[in-house]
Protein backbone atom coordinates (compact mmCIF):
# COMPACT_ATOMS: atom_id res chain seq x y z
CA MET A 1 -18.27 -11.62 -14.49
CA ALA A 2 -15.19 -9.39 -15.23
CA ARG A 3 -14.11 -6.78 -13.84
CA ALA A 4 -12.62 -3.50 -15.15
CA HIS A 5 -9.24 -3.39 -13.88
CA GLU A 6 -7.75 -6.72 -13.03
CA PHE A 7 -5.58 -6.72 -9.92
CA ALA A 8 -1.91 -7.21 -9.98
CA VAL A 9 0.55 -6.30 -6.92
CA GLU A 10 4.39 -7.02 -7.64
CA VAL A 11 7.56 -6.21 -5.30
CA GLU A 12 10.37 -4.71 -5.81
CA GLU A 13 13.21 -4.85 -4.21
CA VAL A 14 16.09 -2.28 -3.82
CA GLY A 15 18.76 -2.69 -1.28
CA ASP A 16 17.18 -1.73 2.66
CA SER A 17 13.70 -0.42 0.36
CA SER A 18 10.68 -2.78 -0.93
CA LEU A 19 8.52 -0.80 -3.47
CA VAL A 20 5.02 -2.65 -3.68
CA ARG A 21 2.91 -1.95 -7.18
CA VAL A 22 -0.57 -2.51 -6.52
CA THR A 23 -3.27 -2.25 -9.90
CA GLY A 24 -6.59 -2.59 -9.51
CA GLU A 25 -9.12 -2.80 -6.68
CA VAL A 26 -8.15 -3.86 -3.13
CA ASP A 27 -11.12 -5.28 -1.58
CA MET A 28 -11.75 -8.65 0.60
CA ALA A 29 -11.13 -10.84 -2.25
CA THR A 30 -7.66 -9.08 -3.01
CA SER A 31 -6.59 -7.83 -0.05
CA PRO A 32 -4.76 -11.63 0.89
CA ASP A 33 -2.24 -10.73 -2.29
CA LEU A 34 -1.37 -7.40 -0.72
CA GLU A 35 -1.16 -9.15 2.47
CA SER A 36 1.29 -11.79 1.19
CA ALA A 37 3.42 -9.01 -0.63
CA LEU A 38 4.49 -6.65 2.31
CA GLU A 39 5.21 -10.01 4.14
CA ARG A 40 7.82 -10.63 1.27
CA THR A 41 9.25 -6.91 2.14
CA ARG A 42 12.04 -6.35 4.67
CA PRO A 43 10.18 -4.64 7.33
CA ASP A 44 13.11 -2.97 8.99
CA GLY A 45 13.83 -1.35 5.86
CA LYS A 46 11.49 1.60 3.96
CA VAL A 47 8.07 0.24 2.47
CA VAL A 48 6.35 2.49 -0.14
CA ILE A 49 3.48 1.33 -1.48
CA ASP A 50 2.09 2.92 -4.72
CA LEU A 51 -1.07 2.86 -5.37
CA THR A 52 -1.05 4.97 -8.46
CA LYS A 53 -2.87 2.61 -10.39
CA CYS A 54 -5.19 1.77 -7.80
CA ASP A 55 -9.01 2.48 -8.25
CA PHE A 56 -10.91 1.16 -5.04
CA LEU A 57 -9.80 0.32 -0.96
CA ASP A 58 -12.01 -1.20 0.98
CA SER A 59 -12.09 -1.87 4.96
CA ALA A 60 -10.01 -4.89 4.42
CA ALA A 61 -7.35 -3.18 2.40
CA ILE A 62 -7.04 -0.85 5.08
CA ARG A 63 -6.68 -3.77 7.37
CA VAL A 64 -3.65 -5.13 5.79
CA ILE A 65 -2.31 -1.67 5.00
CA LEU A 66 -2.19 -1.13 9.24
CA THR A 67 -1.11 -4.46 9.83
CA GLY A 68 1.90 -3.34 7.35
CA ILE A 69 2.57 -0.18 9.18
CA ALA A 70 2.79 -2.14 12.73
CA ARG A 71 4.86 -4.61 10.86
CA CYS A 72 7.18 -2.26 10.14
CA GLU A 73 7.41 0.13 12.87
CA SER A 74 7.86 -2.78 15.16
CA ALA A 75 11.31 -3.92 12.92
CA GLY A 76 12.68 -0.08 13.10
CA GLY A 77 11.24 0.30 9.18
CA SER A 78 9.33 2.52 7.65
CA MET A 79 6.30 2.92 5.68
CA SER A 80 4.51 5.55 2.94
CA LEU A 81 1.74 5.35 0.62
CA VAL A 82 1.79 6.77 -3.05
CA ALA A 83 -1.58 7.63 -4.11
CA SER A 84 -3.29 10.27 -6.07
CA ASP A 85 -7.12 8.89 -7.17
CA PRO A 86 -9.38 11.17 -4.79
CA ARG A 87 -11.37 8.33 -4.11
CA VAL A 88 -8.41 6.15 -2.52
CA LEU A 89 -7.28 9.31 -0.94
CA ARG A 90 -10.30 10.05 0.74
CA VAL A 91 -10.86 6.36 2.26
CA LEU A 92 -7.40 6.88 3.15
CA GLU A 93 -8.48 9.66 4.96
CA ILE A 94 -11.37 8.42 6.39
CA ALA A 95 -9.39 5.77 8.22
CA GLY A 96 -7.04 8.07 9.29
CA LEU A 97 -3.66 6.67 7.59
CA ASP A 98 -3.08 10.37 6.23
CA GLY A 99 -2.14 11.31 10.23
CA ARG A 100 -0.11 7.73 10.90
CA ILE A 101 2.35 7.64 7.59
CA PRO A 102 3.38 9.83 4.89
CA ILE A 103 1.05 9.66 1.98
CA HIS A 104 2.63 11.23 -1.80
CA ALA A 105 1.32 12.25 -4.88
CA THR A 106 3.90 11.10 -6.71
CA ARG A 107 7.02 8.14 -6.51
CA SER A 108 9.50 10.55 -6.76
CA GLN A 109 8.74 12.14 -3.30
CA THR A 110 9.17 8.77 -1.77
CA ALA A 111 13.10 9.46 -2.05
């Protein structure tokens, strides 16, 4: 069965900042790929996860993001999210991430 939106994750390093771009659904099947991408970032810098092309998150995705936050915080870095889909924002809100790290509507707001 083909998915409507195929999953992809890309990491772009710029100085001490890392941009992790996510496309598609982050669920139990794809969250290990997001986790691997986050492990390739510099935790002592600024990590931005761009979820603007993500249309679904489940609890596995939240666990990966929380692990990434802890990794950054313990190394003296920071993490923020970019999300605009109301469904994704609702999941982040329910999980309490909106009170834990900055969530921006656009990438330009993370500068």
